[in-house]
Protein backbone atom coordinates (compact mmCIF):
# COMPACT_ATOMS: atom_id res chain seq x y z
CA MET A 1 -2.51 1.56 11.18
CA PHE A 2 -6.04 0.37 9.69
CA ASN A 3 -7.30 3.92 9.89
CA ALA A 4 -5.00 5.24 7.55
CA LEU A 5 -5.93 2.48 4.57
CA ILE A 6 -9.62 3.35 4.84
CA PRO A 7 -9.65 6.86 2.69
CA TYR A 8 -6.87 5.33 0.29
CA TYR A 9 -9.38 2.08 -0.13
CA LYS A 10 -12.40 4.61 -0.88
CA ILE A 11 -10.33 6.78 -3.22
CA PHE A 12 -9.83 3.89 -5.50
CA SER A 13 -13.26 2.63 -5.19
CA ARG A 14 -14.52 5.58 -6.84
CA ASN A 15 -13.39 4.81 -10.37
CA THR A 16 -15.63 1.40 -10.74
CA ARG A 17 -18.35 1.74 -8.21
CA THR A 18 -20.86 0.76 -11.38
CA HIS A 19 -20.15 -2.93 -11.17
CA ALA A 20 -19.71 -4.62 -7.50
CA ASP A 21 -17.40 -7.53 -8.40
CA ILE A 22 -15.24 -5.48 -10.45
CA ASN A 23 -15.41 -2.88 -7.94
CA PHE A 24 -14.35 -5.80 -5.11
CA PHE A 25 -11.22 -6.95 -7.45
CA HIS A 26 -10.28 -3.44 -8.11
CA ASN A 27 -10.18 -2.37 -4.20
CA GLU A 28 -8.57 -5.86 -3.66
CA PHE A 29 -5.75 -5.08 -5.71
CA CYS A 30 -5.10 -1.69 -4.95
CA LEU A 31 -4.84 -2.70 -1.36
CA LEU A 32 -2.23 -5.57 -1.90
CA PHE A 33 -0.26 -3.02 -4.24
CA TYR A 34 -0.51 -0.49 -1.07
CA PHE A 35 0.58 -3.03 1.19
CA LEU A 36 3.96 -4.11 -1.06
CA ASN A 37 4.63 -0.49 -1.20
CA ILE A 38 4.82 -0.09 2.67
CA PHE A 39 6.72 -3.40 2.63
CA GLN A 40 9.17 -2.07 -0.17
CA VAL A 41 9.53 1.34 1.84
CA LYS A 42 10.29 -0.36 4.89
CA ILE A 43 12.94 -2.72 3.13
CA ILE A 44 14.50 0.09 1.43
CA PHE A 45 14.55 2.13 4.94
CA LEU A 46 16.53 -1.07 6.75
CA TYR A 47 19.29 -1.25 3.76
CA ILE A 48 20.13 2.16 4.32
CA TYR A 49 19.85 1.93 8.24
CA LYS A 50 22.16 -0.99 8.09
CA PHE A 51 24.16 0.45 5.57
CA PHE A 52 24.79 3.99 8.08
CA ILE A 53 25.60 1.85 10.83
CA LYS A 54 28.60 0.29 9.05
CA ILE A 55 29.81 3.54 8.12
CA ALA A 56 29.46 4.85 11.87
């Protein structure tokens, strides 16, 4: 799973490569939002799954 994050991490780091500290925080926030996005998708998927189980 973490191998999939590496290119994502590098894409966002290109914009702020000049300042190391800004770059670090920028990457941390991007990874945080990336994990939140995965988490949201899993929750949505679970709700849909439970909904279909109730129907069936």
